[in-house]
Protein backbone atom coordinates (compact mmCIF):
# COMPACT_ATOMS: atom_id res chain seq x y z
CA UNK A 1 -160.38 -132.09 180.77
CA UNK A 2 -157.55 -131.81 183.28
CA UNK A 3 -156.92 -134.82 185.49
CA UNK A 4 -157.30 -132.81 188.69
CA UNK A 5 -160.64 -131.41 187.52
CA UNK A 6 -162.34 -134.67 186.61
CA UNK A 7 -164.36 -135.91 189.58
CA UNK A 8 -166.83 -138.75 189.00
CA UNK A 9 -167.57 -139.74 192.61
CA UNK A 10 -168.77 -137.66 195.57
CA UNK A 11 -170.28 -138.49 198.96
CA UNK A 12 -172.21 -135.98 201.02
CA UNK A 13 -174.78 -135.63 203.81
CA UNK A 14 -178.17 -134.56 202.46
CA UNK A 15 -180.52 -133.01 205.03
CA UNK A 16 -183.99 -131.81 204.09
CA UNK A 17 -185.83 -129.13 206.05
CA UNK A 18 -188.35 -129.88 208.78
CA UNK A 19 -191.93 -128.78 208.23
CA UNK A 20 -193.30 -125.72 210.02
CA UNK A 21 -195.73 -126.16 212.91
CA UNK A 22 -199.42 -125.51 212.56
CA UNK A 23 -200.75 -122.47 214.41
CA UNK A 24 -203.05 -122.41 217.43
CA UNK A 25 -205.02 -119.19 216.95
CA UNK A 26 -208.58 -117.92 217.36
CA UNK A 27 -210.33 -115.23 215.43
CA UNK A 28 -210.70 -112.15 217.58
CA UNK A 29 -212.43 -109.12 216.11
CA UNK A 30 -214.65 -106.39 217.44
CA UNK A 31 -218.18 -107.70 217.88
CA UNK A 32 -216.92 -111.29 217.23
CA UNK A 33 -215.88 -112.46 220.70
CA UNK A 34 -215.96 -116.15 219.79
CA UNK A 35 -214.82 -116.28 216.20
CA UNK A 36 -213.50 -119.81 216.40
CA UNK A 37 -210.14 -121.33 215.44
CA UNK A 38 -208.28 -119.90 212.44
CA UNK A 39 -204.75 -121.20 212.89
CA UNK A 40 -202.89 -121.63 209.58
CA UNK A 41 -200.84 -124.61 208.41
CA UNK A 42 -197.06 -124.78 208.60
CA UNK A 43 -195.02 -124.70 205.42
CA UNK A 44 -193.35 -127.80 204.04
CA UNK A 45 -189.63 -128.26 204.65
CA UNK A 46 -187.23 -127.67 201.79
CA UNK A 47 -186.32 -130.58 199.48
CA UNK A 48 -182.85 -131.53 198.26
CA UNK A 49 -183.26 -131.88 194.50
CA UNK A 50 -180.99 -133.19 191.72
CA UNK A 51 -181.26 -131.49 188.32
CA UNK A 52 -179.54 -132.60 185.13
CA UNK A 53 -177.32 -130.07 183.38
CA UNK A 54 -175.92 -131.01 179.97
CA UNK A 55 -173.25 -128.30 180.28
CA UNK A 56 -171.54 -130.11 183.16
CA UNK A 57 -169.04 -132.92 182.59
CA UNK A 58 -167.78 -133.53 186.13
CA UNK A 59 -168.88 -133.52 189.77
CA UNK A 60 -166.00 -131.23 190.71
CA UNK A 61 -168.33 -128.46 191.96
CA UNK A 62 -169.73 -130.88 194.59
CA UNK A 63 -166.40 -132.33 195.73
CA UNK A 64 -166.08 -130.13 198.81
CA UNK A 65 -169.80 -129.81 199.58
CA UNK A 66 -169.95 -132.35 202.41
CA UNK A 67 -173.25 -131.15 203.91
CA UNK A 68 -176.28 -130.03 201.92
CA UNK A 69 -178.96 -128.55 204.18
CA UNK A 70 -182.37 -127.35 203.01
CA UNK A 71 -184.38 -124.69 204.84
CA UNK A 72 -187.01 -125.39 207.47
CA UNK A 73 -190.65 -124.51 206.68
CA UNK A 74 -192.14 -121.50 208.45
CA UNK A 75 -194.83 -121.89 211.12
CA UNK A 76 -198.46 -121.13 210.32
CA UNK A 77 -200.12 -117.95 211.55
CA UNK A 78 -203.55 -116.73 212.57
CA UNK A 79 -206.12 -115.83 209.98
CA UNK A 80 -205.50 -119.21 208.28
CA UNK A 81 -202.21 -117.86 206.95
CA UNK A 82 -200.00 -120.71 205.79
CA UNK A 83 -196.31 -120.61 206.63
CA UNK A 84 -193.86 -120.29 203.74
CA UNK A 85 -192.32 -123.49 202.42
CA UNK A 86 -188.65 -123.98 203.17
CA UNK A 87 -186.33 -123.11 200.28
CA UNK A 88 -185.26 -126.12 198.24
CA UNK A 89 -181.61 -126.85 197.53
CA UNK A 90 -181.07 -127.75 193.87
CA UNK A 91 -177.86 -129.59 193.00
CA UNK A 92 -177.04 -129.46 189.30
CA UNK A 93 -175.30 -132.61 188.11
CA UNK A 94 -174.02 -133.87 184.75
CA UNK A 95 -176.27 -136.02 182.61
CA UNK A 96 -175.35 -139.61 183.44
CA UNK A 97 -175.26 -139.19 187.22
CA UNK A 98 -176.50 -142.02 189.44
CA UNK A 99 -177.49 -141.48 193.10
CA UNK A 100 -177.31 -144.23 195.72
CA UNK A 101 -177.68 -144.47 199.49
CA UNK A 102 -174.24 -144.66 201.06
CA UNK A 103 -174.94 -147.27 203.73
CA UNK A 104 -177.06 -149.75 201.76
CA UNK A 105 -176.01 -148.97 198.18
CA UNK A 106 -179.71 -148.76 197.29
CA UNK A 107 -180.35 -147.13 193.91
CA UNK A 108 -182.20 -143.82 194.22
CA UNK A 109 -182.27 -142.23 190.79
CA UNK A 110 -180.50 -141.80 187.47
CA UNK A 111 -180.31 -138.43 185.72
CA UNK A 112 -180.33 -139.06 181.98
CA UNK A 113 -181.72 -135.83 180.47
CA UNK A 114 -180.94 -132.14 180.60
CA UNK A 115 -183.36 -130.41 183.00
CA UNK A 116 -184.59 -133.67 184.56
CA UNK A 117 -185.30 -133.23 188.27
CA UNK A 118 -185.55 -135.75 191.09
CA UNK A 119 -186.43 -135.05 194.73
CA UNK A 120 -183.53 -136.78 196.43
CA UNK A 121 -184.39 -136.01 200.06
CA UNK A 122 -187.99 -134.80 200.60
CA UNK A 123 -188.70 -132.10 203.17
CA UNK A 124 -190.93 -132.70 206.19
CA UNK A 125 -194.65 -132.01 205.81
CA UNK A 126 -196.13 -128.85 207.26
CA UNK A 127 -198.26 -129.27 210.38
CA UNK A 128 -201.98 -128.52 210.27
CA UNK A 129 -203.37 -125.52 212.15
CA UNK A 130 -206.07 -125.85 214.79
CA UNK A 131 -208.66 -124.83 212.21
CA UNK A 132 -208.51 -128.41 210.87
CA UNK A 133 -209.36 -130.00 214.23
CA UNK A 134 -212.64 -128.31 215.12
CA UNK A 135 -215.58 -130.65 215.55
CA UNK A 136 -219.17 -130.41 216.71
CA UNK A 137 -218.09 -131.39 220.21
CA UNK A 138 -214.80 -129.46 220.26
CA UNK A 139 -215.34 -126.15 218.54
CA UNK A 140 -212.28 -124.46 220.06
CA UNK A 141 -209.33 -126.88 219.82
CA UNK A 142 -206.27 -125.57 221.66
CA UNK A 143 -203.84 -127.73 219.77
CA UNK A 144 -202.31 -127.99 216.30
CA UNK A 145 -200.09 -130.42 214.46
CA UNK A 146 -196.32 -130.11 214.63
CA UNK A 147 -194.36 -130.16 211.40
CA UNK A 148 -192.78 -133.36 210.12
CA UNK A 149 -189.09 -133.90 210.73
CA UNK A 150 -186.62 -133.48 207.91
CA UNK A 151 -184.54 -136.42 206.70
CA UNK A 152 -180.78 -136.78 207.00
CA UNK A 153 -178.97 -139.33 204.86
CA UNK A 154 -175.59 -139.91 203.27
CA UNK A 155 -175.71 -140.02 199.49
CA UNK A 156 -173.21 -141.16 196.88
CA UNK A 157 -173.24 -139.64 193.40
CA UNK A 158 -171.47 -141.49 190.60
CA UNK A 159 -171.00 -140.14 187.10
CA UNK A 160 -171.17 -142.52 184.16
CA UNK A 161 -170.04 -140.79 181.00
CA UNK A 162 -172.50 -140.72 178.12
CA UNK A 163 -170.66 -141.60 174.93
CA UNK A 164 -171.54 -143.45 171.74
CA UNK A 165 -168.25 -145.35 171.59
CA UNK A 166 -166.06 -146.52 174.45
CA UNK A 167 -162.40 -147.39 173.85
CA UNK A 168 -161.43 -150.56 175.71
CA UNK A 169 -157.87 -151.83 175.91
CA UNK A 170 -154.81 -152.51 178.00
CA UNK A 171 -152.58 -149.62 179.09
CA UNK A 172 -150.43 -148.22 176.30
CA UNK A 173 -152.57 -149.81 173.55
CA UNK A 174 -152.88 -146.47 171.72
CA UNK A 175 -156.36 -145.42 172.86
CA UNK A 176 -155.41 -141.80 173.60
CA UNK A 177 -153.51 -141.52 170.32
CA UNK A 178 -156.55 -142.78 168.42
CA UNK A 179 -158.89 -140.34 170.19
CA UNK A 180 -156.51 -137.45 169.45
CA UNK A 181 -156.33 -138.47 165.77
CA UNK A 182 -160.10 -138.72 165.34
CA UNK A 183 -161.22 -135.70 167.38
CA UNK A 184 -160.14 -132.37 168.80
CA UNK A 185 -159.56 -133.95 172.23
CA UNK A 186 -155.99 -133.69 173.49
CA UNK A 187 -155.44 -136.39 176.11
CA UNK A 188 -151.97 -136.88 177.56
CA UNK A 189 -149.95 -139.29 175.42
CA UNK A 190 -146.70 -140.94 176.47
CA UNK A 191 -144.83 -144.20 176.01
CA UNK A 192 -145.63 -145.72 179.40
CA UNK A 193 -148.58 -147.48 181.02
CA UNK A 194 -151.42 -145.57 182.71
CA UNK A 195 -150.72 -142.27 180.98
CA UNK A 196 -154.49 -141.75 180.99
CA UNK A 197 -155.71 -141.41 184.57
CA UNK A 198 -159.19 -140.05 183.84
CA UNK A 199 -161.69 -140.69 181.02
CA UNK A 200 -161.44 -138.32 178.06
CA UNK A 201 -164.26 -137.43 175.67
CA UNK A 202 -163.92 -136.41 172.05
CA UNK A 203 -166.45 -135.55 169.35
CA UNK A 204 -165.61 -137.35 166.11
CA UNK A 205 -166.76 -135.58 162.96
CA UNK A 206 -168.36 -137.77 160.30
CA UNK A 207 -169.87 -136.94 156.92
CA UNK A 208 -172.58 -134.35 156.23
CA UNK A 209 -172.21 -132.64 159.58
CA UNK A 210 -172.86 -135.85 161.52
CA UNK A 211 -170.76 -136.76 164.54
CA UNK A 212 -170.49 -139.18 167.43
CA UNK A 213 -168.87 -139.06 170.88
CA UNK A 214 -165.94 -141.32 171.75
CA UNK A 215 -164.65 -141.95 175.29
CA UNK A 216 -161.10 -142.98 176.10
CA UNK A 217 -161.33 -145.09 179.28
CA UNK A 218 -158.17 -145.58 181.39
CA UNK A 219 -156.48 -148.87 180.62
CA UNK A 220 -157.86 -152.14 181.95
CA UNK A 221 -155.55 -154.82 183.32
CA UNK A 222 -156.24 -158.46 184.13
CA UNK A 223 -158.04 -158.48 187.49
CA UNK A 224 -159.58 -155.03 187.03
CA UNK A 225 -163.03 -156.34 187.99
CA UNK A 226 -161.56 -157.34 191.37
CA UNK A 227 -160.11 -153.88 191.90
CA UNK A 228 -156.62 -154.17 190.43
CA UNK A 229 -155.11 -151.19 188.65
CA UNK A 230 -157.46 -148.35 187.69
CA UNK A 231 -160.04 -150.51 185.95
CA UNK A 232 -162.63 -150.92 188.69
CA UNK A 233 -162.89 -147.18 189.21
CA UNK A 234 -163.64 -146.50 185.55
CA UNK A 235 -165.39 -149.64 184.29
CA UNK A 236 -168.75 -148.05 185.11
CA UNK A 237 -168.21 -145.49 182.35
CA UNK A 238 -168.31 -148.30 179.79
CA UNK A 239 -171.87 -149.17 180.84
CA UNK A 240 -173.17 -146.05 179.05
CA UNK A 241 -171.51 -146.67 175.69
CA UNK A 242 -173.52 -147.94 172.73
CA UNK A 243 -170.48 -149.57 171.10
CA UNK A 244 -167.31 -150.97 172.64
CA UNK A 245 -164.24 -150.49 170.47
CA UNK A 246 -161.58 -152.93 171.62
CA UNK A 247 -158.05 -151.81 170.84
CA UNK A 248 -155.25 -154.38 170.76
CA UNK A 249 -151.77 -153.39 169.50
CA UNK A 250 -150.33 -155.25 166.55
CA UNK A 251 -147.19 -156.10 168.57
CA UNK A 252 -149.21 -157.97 171.22
CA UNK A 253 -148.09 -161.52 172.02
CA UNK A 254 -151.45 -162.89 170.81
CA UNK A 255 -154.28 -160.62 169.64
CA UNK A 256 -157.08 -163.11 170.30
CA UNK A 257 -155.88 -163.86 173.82
CA UNK A 258 -155.66 -160.16 174.76
CA UNK A 259 -159.17 -159.59 173.43
CA UNK A 260 -160.42 -162.59 175.44
CA UNK A 261 -158.88 -161.21 178.66
CA UNK A 262 -160.51 -157.81 178.12
CA UNK A 263 -163.86 -159.45 177.41
CA UNK A 264 -163.56 -161.61 180.54
CA UNK A 265 -162.91 -158.56 182.74
CA UNK A 266 -166.02 -156.81 181.39
CA UNK A 267 -168.09 -159.95 181.97
CA UNK A 268 -166.89 -160.24 185.58
CA UNK A 269 -167.76 -156.61 186.21
CA UNK A 270 -171.18 -156.68 184.52
CA UNK A 271 -172.32 -159.55 182.25
CA UNK A 272 -174.75 -157.19 180.49
CA UNK A 273 -171.78 -155.44 178.87
CA UNK A 274 -171.40 -158.46 176.58
CA UNK A 275 -174.76 -157.55 174.99
CA UNK A 276 -173.29 -154.36 173.53
CA UNK A 277 -172.07 -154.18 169.96
CA UNK A 278 -168.32 -154.70 169.66
CA UNK A 279 -165.61 -153.81 167.17
CA UNK A 280 -161.99 -154.99 167.34
CA UNK A 281 -159.28 -152.66 166.06
CA UNK A 282 -155.67 -153.78 165.77
CA UNK A 283 -153.66 -150.61 166.39
CA UNK A 284 -150.08 -149.71 165.40
CA UNK A 285 -150.60 -151.37 162.02
CA UNK A 286 -147.91 -149.08 160.57
CA UNK A 287 -145.49 -151.66 162.04
CA UNK A 288 -146.90 -154.34 159.72
CA UNK A 289 -146.77 -155.10 156.03
CA UNK A 290 -149.54 -156.83 154.07
CA UNK A 291 -147.99 -160.26 154.61
CA UNK A 292 -147.86 -159.86 158.39
CA UNK A 293 -151.44 -158.62 158.49
CA UNK A 294 -152.56 -161.70 156.63
CA UNK A 295 -150.60 -163.93 159.01
CA UNK A 296 -152.21 -162.27 162.05
CA UNK A 297 -155.73 -162.89 160.74
CA UNK A 298 -155.59 -166.40 162.23
CA UNK A 299 -155.29 -164.92 165.75
CA UNK A 300 -158.40 -162.76 165.41
CA UNK A 301 -161.79 -164.07 166.64
CA UNK A 302 -164.23 -164.66 163.80
CA UNK A 303 -167.34 -163.42 165.65
CA UNK A 304 -166.44 -159.72 165.75
CA UNK A 305 -165.93 -157.09 163.02
CA UNK A 306 -162.27 -156.08 162.92
CA UNK A 307 -159.76 -153.99 161.02
CA UNK A 308 -156.12 -152.97 161.17
CA UNK A 309 -155.39 -149.26 161.67
CA UNK A 310 -152.73 -146.75 162.57
CA UNK A 311 -153.64 -143.60 164.50
CA UNK A 312 -150.21 -142.13 163.67
CA UNK A 313 -150.31 -142.53 159.88
CA UNK A 314 -154.12 -142.41 159.56
CA UNK A 315 -154.21 -145.85 157.93
CA UNK A 316 -157.85 -147.07 157.69
CA UNK A 317 -159.22 -144.40 160.06
CA UNK A 318 -161.93 -143.37 157.54
CA UNK A 319 -162.94 -147.03 157.31
CA UNK A 320 -163.12 -147.22 161.11
CA UNK A 321 -165.47 -144.23 161.21
CA UNK A 322 -167.65 -145.86 158.54
CA UNK A 323 -167.79 -149.06 160.56
CA UNK A 324 -168.69 -147.24 163.78
CA UNK A 325 -171.35 -145.10 162.12
CA UNK A 326 -172.96 -148.12 160.47
CA UNK A 327 -173.02 -149.92 163.81
CA UNK A 328 -174.54 -146.91 165.58
CA UNK A 329 -177.40 -146.82 163.10
């Protein structure tokens, strides 16, 4: 997924169609000089609808769509003929998309399934024709109901990636290298911080045709929950993951302290993230021998499953997949 093509945030003006007006009409036929009112109803205004599409992975196709305008409903006609409803506008979005009101931030909907639909901005109601207003004392009403106005609102769409496992770590911890080793994903890899600028997804093959999806989230730094670095922009993607795989390099100053900082940033962003299952992987273990690994055990928190691994040499990668699969079940 190219960096320039991954868009996980869009803002646009959503305008539904106004309803058509009801008709003022009277039946006029030969030999029926006073046929009475027969004005038809106006059609409803078009909705703006969100529909989930599992084949989409980004909001790129909506990036330049700043105004979404649904069609107005047609007016009613004589002979009790109802006006046509305004044509709906259907916006297909990736599964995992959340819609909010721009001004208030109010939650509107969450698209979690392929084909799921939600009426984001309802169209105006159609007005009633004069046929509905006849009474015993007013058998020839010369009025009808006007159609309801459409609604105009600014909407924000945010994409939260759906993945089984989310990779969490500081920049240059080896997350992209691990994803490339376990899956067919080919994220950019380089020996400098913030190589990964967008989340990357990879499908990891397991035994007997089974698989799980892993997401490489751009590196978190201390203060990410307050907006430092790239963390705040991408922390929301972690909310969707079933398991958080923390990656700390073996050459870190103190493994336990780095893990604690990462955990603290997640807690500041959303305390519910601490309820997710966690695994700690110490990467770049090809730099260590057995004696050093044993010495580093004292730095590792006791309340989390952990293992040493190397994405370059493949050391303990099968064991990591076993651990993840067992946790997912």
